[in-house]
PDB file of all heavy atoms in Angstrom:
ATOM      1  N   VAL A   1      -5.049 -10.570 -10.571  1.00  0.00           N
ATOM      2  CA  VAL A   1      -5.166  -9.116 -10.730  1.00  0.00           C
ATOM      3  C   VAL A   1      -5.969  -8.478  -9.602  1.00  0.00           C
ATOM      4  O   VAL A   1      -5.600  -7.418  -9.075  1.00  0.00           O
ATOM      5  CB  VAL A   1      -5.812  -8.781 -12.096  1.00  0.00           C
ATOM      6  CG1 VAL A   1      -6.053  -7.287 -12.214  1.00  0.00           C
ATOM      7  CG2 VAL A   1      -4.912  -9.256 -13.234  1.00  0.00           C
ATOM      8  N   THR A   2      -7.050  -9.110  -9.197  1.00  0.00           N
ATOM      9  CA  THR A   2      -7.883  -8.551  -8.132  1.00  0.00           C
ATOM     10  C   THR A   2      -7.108  -8.465  -6.827  1.00  0.00           C
ATOM     11  O   THR A   2      -7.143  -7.440  -6.127  1.00  0.00           O
ATOM     12  CB  THR A   2      -9.145  -9.410  -7.925  1.00  0.00           C
ATOM     13  OG1 THR A   2      -9.866  -9.463  -9.156  1.00  0.00           O
ATOM     14  CG2 THR A   2     -10.031  -8.823  -6.845  1.00  0.00           C
ATOM     15  N   ILE A   3      -6.387  -9.533  -6.476  1.00  0.00           N
ATOM     16  CA  ILE A   3      -5.610  -9.541  -5.237  1.00  0.00           C
ATOM     17  C   ILE A   3      -4.450  -8.562  -5.330  1.00  0.00           C
ATOM     18  O   ILE A   3      -4.106  -7.893  -4.350  1.00  0.00           O
ATOM     19  CB  ILE A   3      -5.101 -10.965  -4.925  1.00  0.00           C
ATOM     20  CG1 ILE A   3      -6.267 -11.950  -4.827  1.00  0.00           C
ATOM     21  CG2 ILE A   3      -4.313 -10.966  -3.622  1.00  0.00           C
ATOM     22  CD1 ILE A   3      -7.291 -11.578  -3.776  1.00  0.00           C
ATOM     23  N   GLN A   4      -3.841  -8.434  -6.509  1.00  0.00           N
ATOM     24  CA  GLN A   4      -2.772  -7.446  -6.701  1.00  0.00           C
ATOM     25  C   GLN A   4      -3.254  -6.054  -6.312  1.00  0.00           C
ATOM     26  O   GLN A   4      -2.572  -5.329  -5.580  1.00  0.00           O
ATOM     27  CB  GLN A   4      -2.324  -7.426  -8.160  1.00  0.00           C
ATOM     28  CG  GLN A   4      -1.439  -8.571  -8.573  1.00  0.00           C
ATOM     29  CD  GLN A   4      -0.956  -8.425 -10.011  1.00  0.00           C
ATOM     30  OE1 GLN A   4      -1.023  -7.349 -10.583  1.00  0.00           O
ATOM     31  NE2 GLN A   4      -0.475  -9.506 -10.585  1.00  0.00           N
ATOM     32  N   ALA A   5      -4.411  -5.680  -6.812  1.00  0.00           N
ATOM     33  CA  ALA A   5      -4.955  -4.349  -6.521  1.00  0.00           C
ATOM     34  C   ALA A   5      -5.206  -4.179  -5.028  1.00  0.00           C
ATOM     35  O   ALA A   5      -4.931  -3.109  -4.459  1.00  0.00           O
ATOM     36  CB  ALA A   5      -6.245  -4.136  -7.313  1.00  0.00           C
ATOM     37  N   GLN A   6      -5.708  -5.224  -4.370  1.00  0.00           N
ATOM     38  CA  GLN A   6      -5.968  -5.143  -2.937  1.00  0.00           C
ATOM     39  C   GLN A   6      -4.677  -4.957  -2.146  1.00  0.00           C
ATOM     40  O   GLN A   6      -4.629  -4.154  -1.196  1.00  0.00           O
ATOM     41  CB  GLN A   6      -6.696  -6.408  -2.472  1.00  0.00           C
ATOM     42  CG  GLN A   6      -8.102  -6.552  -3.012  1.00  0.00           C
ATOM     43  CD  GLN A   6      -8.727  -7.876  -2.618  1.00  0.00           C
ATOM     44  OE1 GLN A   6      -8.133  -8.687  -1.901  1.00  0.00           O
ATOM     45  NE2 GLN A   6      -9.953  -8.119  -3.085  1.00  0.00           N
ATOM     46  N   ILE A   7      -3.620  -5.689  -2.525  1.00  0.00           N
ATOM     47  CA  ILE A   7      -2.352  -5.586  -1.808  1.00  0.00           C
ATOM     48  C   ILE A   7      -1.736  -4.200  -1.992  1.00  0.00           C
ATOM     49  O   ILE A   7      -1.247  -3.581  -1.035  1.00  0.00           O
ATOM     50  CB  ILE A   7      -1.374  -6.678  -2.287  1.00  0.00           C
ATOM     51  CG1 ILE A   7      -1.904  -8.071  -1.912  1.00  0.00           C
ATOM     52  CG2 ILE A   7       0.015  -6.451  -1.706  1.00  0.00           C
ATOM     53  CD1 ILE A   7      -2.079  -8.301  -0.423  1.00  0.00           C
ATOM     54  N   LEU A   8      -1.771  -3.670  -3.213  1.00  0.00           N
ATOM     55  CA  LEU A   8      -1.239  -2.329  -3.452  1.00  0.00           C
ATOM     56  C   LEU A   8      -2.019  -1.273  -2.690  1.00  0.00           C
ATOM     57  O   LEU A   8      -1.440  -0.353  -2.096  1.00  0.00           O
ATOM     58  CB  LEU A   8      -1.252  -2.022  -4.949  1.00  0.00           C
ATOM     59  CG  LEU A   8      -0.209  -2.753  -5.792  1.00  0.00           C
ATOM     60  CD1 LEU A   8      -0.463  -2.505  -7.273  1.00  0.00           C
ATOM     61  CD2 LEU A   8       1.203  -2.320  -5.416  1.00  0.00           C
ATOM     62  N   ASP A   9      -3.342  -1.393  -2.704  1.00  0.00           N
ATOM     63  CA  ASP A   9      -4.168  -0.444  -1.953  1.00  0.00           C
ATOM     64  C   ASP A   9      -3.853  -0.507  -0.463  1.00  0.00           C
ATOM     65  O   ASP A   9      -3.832   0.524   0.220  1.00  0.00           O
ATOM     66  CB  ASP A   9      -5.654  -0.738  -2.186  1.00  0.00           C
ATOM     67  CG  ASP A   9      -6.127  -0.343  -3.578  1.00  0.00           C
ATOM     68  OD1 ASP A   9      -5.395   0.412  -4.258  1.00  0.00           O
ATOM     69  OD2 ASP A   9      -7.202  -0.799  -4.000  1.00  0.00           O
ATOM     70  N   LEU A  10      -3.616  -1.725   0.038  1.00  0.00           N
ATOM     71  CA  LEU A  10      -3.294  -1.886   1.452  1.00  0.00           C
ATOM     72  C   LEU A  10      -1.972  -1.197   1.788  1.00  0.00           C
ATOM     73  O   LEU A  10      -1.876  -0.478   2.794  1.00  0.00           O
ATOM     74  CB  LEU A  10      -3.224  -3.373   1.798  1.00  0.00           C
ATOM     75  CG  LEU A  10      -2.740  -3.722   3.215  1.00  0.00           C
ATOM     76  CD1 LEU A  10      -3.658  -3.109   4.258  1.00  0.00           C
ATOM     77  CD2 LEU A  10      -2.646  -5.233   3.380  1.00  0.00           C
ATOM     78  N   ILE A  11      -0.952  -1.385   0.955  1.00  0.00           N
ATOM     79  CA  ILE A  11       0.344  -0.749   1.203  1.00  0.00           C
ATOM     80  C   ILE A  11       0.203   0.773   1.201  1.00  0.00           C
ATOM     81  O   ILE A  11       0.749   1.466   2.073  1.00  0.00           O
ATOM     82  CB  ILE A  11       1.379  -1.211   0.156  1.00  0.00           C
ATOM     83  CG1 ILE A  11       1.702  -2.694   0.349  1.00  0.00           C
ATOM     84  CG2 ILE A  11       2.658  -0.370   0.254  1.00  0.00           C
ATOM     85  CD1 ILE A  11       2.580  -3.273  -0.742  1.00  0.00           C
ATOM     86  N   LEU A  12      -0.549   1.308   0.240  1.00  0.00           N
ATOM     87  CA  LEU A  12      -0.731   2.757   0.161  1.00  0.00           C
ATOM     88  C   LEU A  12      -1.527   3.280   1.359  1.00  0.00           C
ATOM     89  O   LEU A  12      -1.239   4.363   1.883  1.00  0.00           O
ATOM     90  CB  LEU A  12      -1.449   3.112  -1.146  1.00  0.00           C
ATOM     91  CG  LEU A  12      -0.651   2.864  -2.428  1.00  0.00           C
ATOM     92  CD1 LEU A  12      -1.517   3.153  -3.652  1.00  0.00           C
ATOM     93  CD2 LEU A  12       0.614   3.705  -2.458  1.00  0.00           C
ATOM     94  N   GLU A  13      -2.509   2.508   1.795  1.00  0.00           N
ATOM     95  CA  GLU A  13      -3.311   2.913   2.959  1.00  0.00           C
ATOM     96  C   GLU A  13      -2.447   2.962   4.213  1.00  0.00           C
ATOM     97  O   GLU A  13      -2.506   3.921   4.997  1.00  0.00           O
ATOM     98  CB  GLU A  13      -4.466   1.928   3.146  1.00  0.00           C
ATOM     99  CG  GLU A  13      -5.320   2.201   4.381  1.00  0.00           C
ATOM    100  CD  GLU A  13      -6.323   1.089   4.646  1.00  0.00           C
ATOM    101  OE1 GLU A  13      -6.683   0.360   3.698  1.00  0.00           O
ATOM    102  OE2 GLU A  13      -6.726   0.942   5.809  1.00  0.00           O
ATOM    103  N   LEU A  14      -1.628   1.927   4.410  1.00  0.00           N
ATOM    104  CA  LEU A  14      -0.752   1.903   5.578  1.00  0.00           C
ATOM    105  C   LEU A  14       0.294   3.008   5.502  1.00  0.00           C
ATOM    106  O   LEU A  14       0.647   3.613   6.514  1.00  0.00           O
ATOM    107  CB  LEU A  14      -0.078   0.538   5.678  1.00  0.00           C
ATOM    108  CG  LEU A  14      -1.007  -0.640   6.002  1.00  0.00           C
ATOM    109  CD1 LEU A  14      -0.260  -1.961   5.870  1.00  0.00           C
ATOM    110  CD2 LEU A  14      -1.600  -0.503   7.399  1.00  0.00           C
ATOM    111  N   GLN A  15       0.792   3.284   4.301  1.00  0.00           N
ATOM    112  CA  GLN A  15       1.763   4.367   4.138  1.00  0.00           C
ATOM    113  C   GLN A  15       1.144   5.706   4.525  1.00  0.00           C
ATOM    114  O   GLN A  15       1.754   6.506   5.240  1.00  0.00           O
ATOM    115  CB  GLN A  15       2.253   4.421   2.701  1.00  0.00           C
ATOM    116  CG  GLN A  15       3.254   5.550   2.453  1.00  0.00           C
ATOM    117  CD  GLN A  15       3.660   5.677   0.996  1.00  0.00           C
ATOM    118  OE1 GLN A  15       2.898   5.306   0.111  1.00  0.00           O
ATOM    119  NE2 GLN A  15       4.855   6.183   0.745  1.00  0.00           N
ATOM    120  N   ALA A  16      -0.076   5.951   4.048  1.00  0.00           N
ATOM    121  CA  ALA A  16      -0.743   7.215   4.367  1.00  0.00           C
ATOM    122  C   ALA A  16      -1.010   7.330   5.866  1.00  0.00           C
ATOM    123  O   ALA A  16      -0.873   8.409   6.452  1.00  0.00           O
ATOM    124  CB  ALA A  16      -2.046   7.314   3.587  1.00  0.00           C
ATOM    125  N   ARG A  17      -1.359   6.215   6.492  1.00  0.00           N
ATOM    126  CA  ARG A  17      -1.688   6.233   7.919  1.00  0.00           C
ATOM    127  C   ARG A  17      -0.447   6.408   8.788  1.00  0.00           C
ATOM    128  O   ARG A  17      -0.447   7.140   9.776  1.00  0.00           O
ATOM    129  CB  ARG A  17      -2.401   4.933   8.290  1.00  0.00           C
ATOM    130  CG  ARG A  17      -2.840   4.871   9.761  1.00  0.00           C
ATOM    131  CD  ARG A  17      -3.337   3.477  10.120  1.00  0.00           C
ATOM    132  NE  ARG A  17      -4.412   3.046   9.241  1.00  0.00           N
ATOM    133  CZ  ARG A  17      -4.901   1.808   9.229  1.00  0.00           C
ATOM    134  NH1 ARG A  17      -4.380   0.879  10.020  1.00  0.00           N
ATOM    135  NH2 ARG A  17      -5.895   1.484   8.420  1.00  0.00           N
ATOM    136  N   GLU A  18       0.647   5.729   8.404  1.00  0.00           N
ATOM    137  CA  GLU A  18       1.843   5.710   9.248  1.00  0.00           C
ATOM    138  C   GLU A  18       2.895   6.729   8.831  1.00  0.00           C
ATOM    139  O   GLU A  18       3.836   6.993   9.577  1.00  0.00           O
ATOM    140  CB  GLU A  18       2.463   4.307   9.238  1.00  0.00           C
ATOM    141  CG  GLU A  18       1.506   3.182   9.599  1.00  0.00           C
ATOM    142  CD  GLU A  18       0.963   3.285  11.019  1.00  0.00           C
ATOM    143  OE1 GLU A  18       1.629   3.940  11.855  1.00  0.00           O
ATOM    144  OE2 GLU A  18      -0.108   2.727  11.290  1.00  0.00           O
ATOM    145  N   GLY A  19       2.780   7.268   7.607  1.00  0.00           N
ATOM    146  CA  GLY A  19       3.749   8.249   7.133  1.00  0.00           C
ATOM    147  C   GLY A  19       5.097   7.667   6.761  1.00  0.00           C
ATOM    148  O   GLY A  19       6.099   8.390   6.711  1.00  0.00           O
ATOM    149  N   MET A  20       5.142   6.368   6.477  1.00  0.00           N
ATOM    150  CA  MET A  20       6.421   5.727   6.154  1.00  0.00           C
ATOM    151  C   MET A  20       6.798   5.973   4.699  1.00  0.00           C
ATOM    152  O   MET A  20       5.979   6.351   3.865  1.00  0.00           O
ATOM    153  CB  MET A  20       6.319   4.224   6.407  1.00  0.00           C
ATOM    154  CG  MET A  20       5.375   3.513   5.480  1.00  0.00           C
ATOM    155  SD  MET A  20       5.237   1.754   5.857  1.00  0.00           S
ATOM    156  CE  MET A  20       4.002   1.281   4.622  1.00  0.00           C
ATOM    157  N   SER A  21       8.066   5.748   4.402  1.00  0.00           N
ATOM    158  CA  SER A  21       8.557   5.778   3.026  1.00  0.00           C
ATOM    159  C   SER A  21       8.512   4.368   2.459  1.00  0.00           C
ATOM    160  O   SER A  21       8.592   3.384   3.204  1.00  0.00           O
ATOM    161  CB  SER A  21       9.993   6.301   2.969  1.00  0.00           C
ATOM    162  OG  SER A  21      10.073   7.598   3.536  1.00  0.00           O
ATOM    163  N   VAL A  22       8.374   4.272   1.137  1.00  0.00           N
ATOM    164  CA  VAL A  22       8.287   2.972   0.483  1.00  0.00           C
ATOM    165  C   VAL A  22       9.267   2.931  -0.688  1.00  0.00           C
ATOM    166  O   VAL A  22       9.280   3.832  -1.523  1.00  0.00           O
ATOM    167  CB  VAL A  22       6.859   2.682  -0.032  1.00  0.00           C
ATOM    168  CG1 VAL A  22       6.822   1.364  -0.809  1.00  0.00           C
ATOM    169  CG2 VAL A  22       5.866   2.632   1.126  1.00  0.00           C
ATOM    170  N   LEU A  23      10.087   1.889  -0.731  1.00  0.00           N
ATOM    171  CA  LEU A  23      10.900   1.581  -1.901  1.00  0.00           C
ATOM    172  C   LEU A  23      10.206   0.420  -2.603  1.00  0.00           C
ATOM    173  O   LEU A  23      10.210  -0.707  -2.116  1.00  0.00           O
ATOM    174  CB  LEU A  23      12.320   1.198  -1.499  1.00  0.00           C
ATOM    175  CG  LEU A  23      13.277   0.850  -2.645  1.00  0.00           C
ATOM    176  CD1 LEU A  23      13.478   2.043  -3.562  1.00  0.00           C
ATOM    177  CD2 LEU A  23      14.617   0.360  -2.106  1.00  0.00           C
ATOM    178  N   LEU A  24       9.579   0.714  -3.728  1.00  0.00           N
ATOM    179  CA  LEU A  24       8.767  -0.267  -4.450  1.00  0.00           C
ATOM    180  C   LEU A  24       9.560  -0.827  -5.618  1.00  0.00           C
ATOM    181  O   LEU A  24       9.886  -0.106  -6.565  1.00  0.00           O
ATOM    182  CB  LEU A  24       7.473   0.380  -4.946  1.00  0.00           C
ATOM    183  CG  LEU A  24       6.556  -0.500  -5.783  1.00  0.00           C
ATOM    184  CD1 LEU A  24       6.049  -1.681  -4.964  1.00  0.00           C
ATOM    185  CD2 LEU A  24       5.391   0.314  -6.326  1.00  0.00           C
TER     186      LEU A  24
END
């Protein structure tokens, strides 16, 4: 669970920084 949260936060951080779209 802890690593799950870190990976999701990382994807959202990169999305916000790069402006990409995500199909989750």
